[in-house]
N, C-alpha and C. Protein backbone atom coordinates (compact mmCIF):
# COMPACT_ATOMS: atom_id res chain seq x y z
N MET A 1 -68.65 39.93 36.46
CA MET A 1 -69.98 40.48 36.44
C MET A 1 -70.93 39.64 37.30
N ALA A 2 -70.87 38.32 37.12
CA ALA A 2 -71.76 37.45 37.89
C ALA A 2 -71.46 37.54 39.38
N LYS A 3 -70.19 37.77 39.70
CA LYS A 3 -69.81 37.90 41.11
C LYS A 3 -70.49 39.12 41.74
N HIS A 4 -70.57 40.18 40.98
CA HIS A 4 -71.22 41.39 41.48
C HIS A 4 -72.72 41.19 41.64
N SER A 5 -73.32 40.43 40.73
CA SER A 5 -74.75 40.13 40.84
C SER A 5 -75.04 39.34 42.11
N ALA A 6 -74.16 38.40 42.43
CA ALA A 6 -74.34 37.61 43.65
C ALA A 6 -74.19 38.50 44.88
N THR A 7 -73.28 39.45 44.83
CA THR A 7 -73.11 40.39 45.94
C THR A 7 -74.36 41.24 46.12
N GLU A 8 -74.95 41.68 45.01
CA GLU A 8 -76.19 42.45 45.07
C GLU A 8 -77.32 41.61 45.67
N CYS A 9 -77.40 40.36 45.26
CA CYS A 9 -78.43 39.47 45.79
C CYS A 9 -78.26 39.27 47.29
N ALA A 10 -77.02 39.12 47.73
CA ALA A 10 -76.75 38.96 49.16
C ALA A 10 -77.18 40.22 49.92
N SER A 11 -76.92 41.37 49.35
CA SER A 11 -77.33 42.62 49.98
C SER A 11 -78.84 42.72 50.09
N ILE A 12 -79.53 42.33 49.03
CA ILE A 12 -80.99 42.37 49.05
C ILE A 12 -81.53 41.42 50.11
N LEU A 13 -80.92 40.23 50.22
CA LEU A 13 -81.33 39.28 51.27
C LEU A 13 -81.16 39.90 52.66
N ASP A 14 -80.02 40.56 52.87
CA ASP A 14 -79.77 41.20 54.17
C ASP A 14 -80.82 42.26 54.49
N VAL A 15 -81.15 43.08 53.50
CA VAL A 15 -82.15 44.13 53.70
C VAL A 15 -83.51 43.51 54.01
N CYS A 16 -83.88 42.49 53.26
CA CYS A 16 -85.16 41.82 53.50
C CYS A 16 -85.24 41.24 54.90
N ARG A 17 -84.13 40.70 55.37
CA ARG A 17 -84.12 40.15 56.74
C ARG A 17 -84.24 41.28 57.76
N CYS A 18 -83.52 42.36 57.55
CA CYS A 18 -83.57 43.49 58.49
C CYS A 18 -84.96 44.13 58.56
N LEU A 19 -85.66 44.12 57.43
CA LEU A 19 -87.01 44.71 57.39
C LEU A 19 -88.10 43.69 57.74
N ASN A 20 -87.67 42.51 58.14
CA ASN A 20 -88.59 41.42 58.49
C ASN A 20 -89.52 41.03 57.34
N ILE A 21 -89.02 41.16 56.12
CA ILE A 21 -89.77 40.74 54.94
C ILE A 21 -89.67 39.22 54.79
N ILE A 22 -88.51 38.69 55.14
CA ILE A 22 -88.31 37.24 55.12
C ILE A 22 -87.88 36.78 56.50
N GLY A 23 -88.15 35.54 56.79
CA GLY A 23 -87.76 34.97 58.07
C GLY A 23 -86.33 34.47 58.06
N GLU A 24 -85.86 34.11 59.23
CA GLU A 24 -84.47 33.64 59.38
C GLU A 24 -84.21 32.39 58.55
N LYS A 25 -85.16 31.48 58.54
CA LYS A 25 -84.99 30.22 57.80
C LYS A 25 -84.82 30.49 56.30
N ARG A 26 -85.67 31.35 55.74
CA ARG A 26 -85.57 31.68 54.32
C ARG A 26 -84.27 32.43 54.04
N TYR A 27 -83.87 33.31 54.94
CA TYR A 27 -82.62 34.05 54.78
C TYR A 27 -81.44 33.09 54.71
N LEU A 28 -81.39 32.14 55.65
CA LEU A 28 -80.27 31.21 55.70
C LEU A 28 -80.23 30.30 54.47
N SER A 29 -81.39 29.85 54.02
CA SER A 29 -81.39 28.99 52.83
C SER A 29 -81.00 29.79 51.58
N GLY A 30 -81.43 31.03 51.48
CA GLY A 30 -81.05 31.89 50.37
C GLY A 30 -79.56 32.19 50.37
N ARG A 31 -79.03 32.44 51.53
CA ARG A 31 -77.60 32.72 51.66
C ARG A 31 -76.77 31.48 51.28
N GLU A 32 -77.22 30.33 51.74
CA GLU A 32 -76.52 29.08 51.41
C GLU A 32 -76.53 28.84 49.90
N LEU A 33 -77.66 29.11 49.27
CA LEU A 33 -77.77 28.94 47.82
C LEU A 33 -76.83 29.90 47.09
N LEU A 34 -76.77 31.14 47.54
CA LEU A 34 -75.86 32.11 46.92
C LEU A 34 -74.40 31.69 47.05
N ILE A 35 -74.04 31.16 48.20
CA ILE A 35 -72.66 30.70 48.40
C ILE A 35 -72.34 29.56 47.44
N ARG A 36 -73.28 28.65 47.26
CA ARG A 36 -73.07 27.55 46.32
C ARG A 36 -72.93 28.06 44.89
N ILE A 37 -73.75 29.02 44.51
CA ILE A 37 -73.71 29.57 43.15
C ILE A 37 -72.37 30.26 42.90
N VAL A 38 -71.92 31.07 43.84
CA VAL A 38 -70.65 31.78 43.68
C VAL A 38 -69.49 30.78 43.61
N SER A 39 -69.55 29.74 44.42
CA SER A 39 -68.51 28.71 44.38
C SER A 39 -68.43 28.06 43.00
N MET A 40 -69.59 27.76 42.42
CA MET A 40 -69.61 27.16 41.08
C MET A 40 -69.05 28.13 40.05
N GLN A 41 -69.40 29.41 40.17
CA GLN A 41 -68.90 30.41 39.22
C GLN A 41 -67.39 30.54 39.30
N ILE A 42 -66.86 30.52 40.50
CA ILE A 42 -65.41 30.64 40.68
C ILE A 42 -64.70 29.44 40.07
N LYS A 43 -65.22 28.24 40.34
CA LYS A 43 -64.60 27.03 39.77
C LYS A 43 -64.66 27.06 38.25
N LEU A 44 -65.78 27.50 37.70
CA LEU A 44 -65.91 27.59 36.25
C LEU A 44 -64.91 28.58 35.67
N ALA A 45 -64.78 29.74 36.29
CA ALA A 45 -63.83 30.75 35.82
C ALA A 45 -62.40 30.25 35.89
N GLN A 46 -62.07 29.51 36.96
CA GLN A 46 -60.71 28.99 37.11
C GLN A 46 -60.41 27.91 36.08
N SER A 47 -61.43 27.13 35.71
CA SER A 47 -61.22 26.06 34.74
C SER A 47 -61.01 26.61 33.33
N LYS A 48 -61.45 27.82 33.08
CA LYS A 48 -61.31 28.43 31.76
C LYS A 48 -59.93 29.06 31.56
N LYS A 49 -59.16 29.18 32.62
CA LYS A 49 -57.83 29.81 32.53
C LYS A 49 -56.81 28.86 31.97
């Protein structure tokens, strides 16, 4: 479920960038943060197995 939420957030970031709602710098920092969050979620899920 959390993985899908991160995918939705990434999509929203892409749309905001395409519509010039956010700048490139904010887009890149948001994307980097999402990648870090998903990485943590994956590691947590793997540790529970």
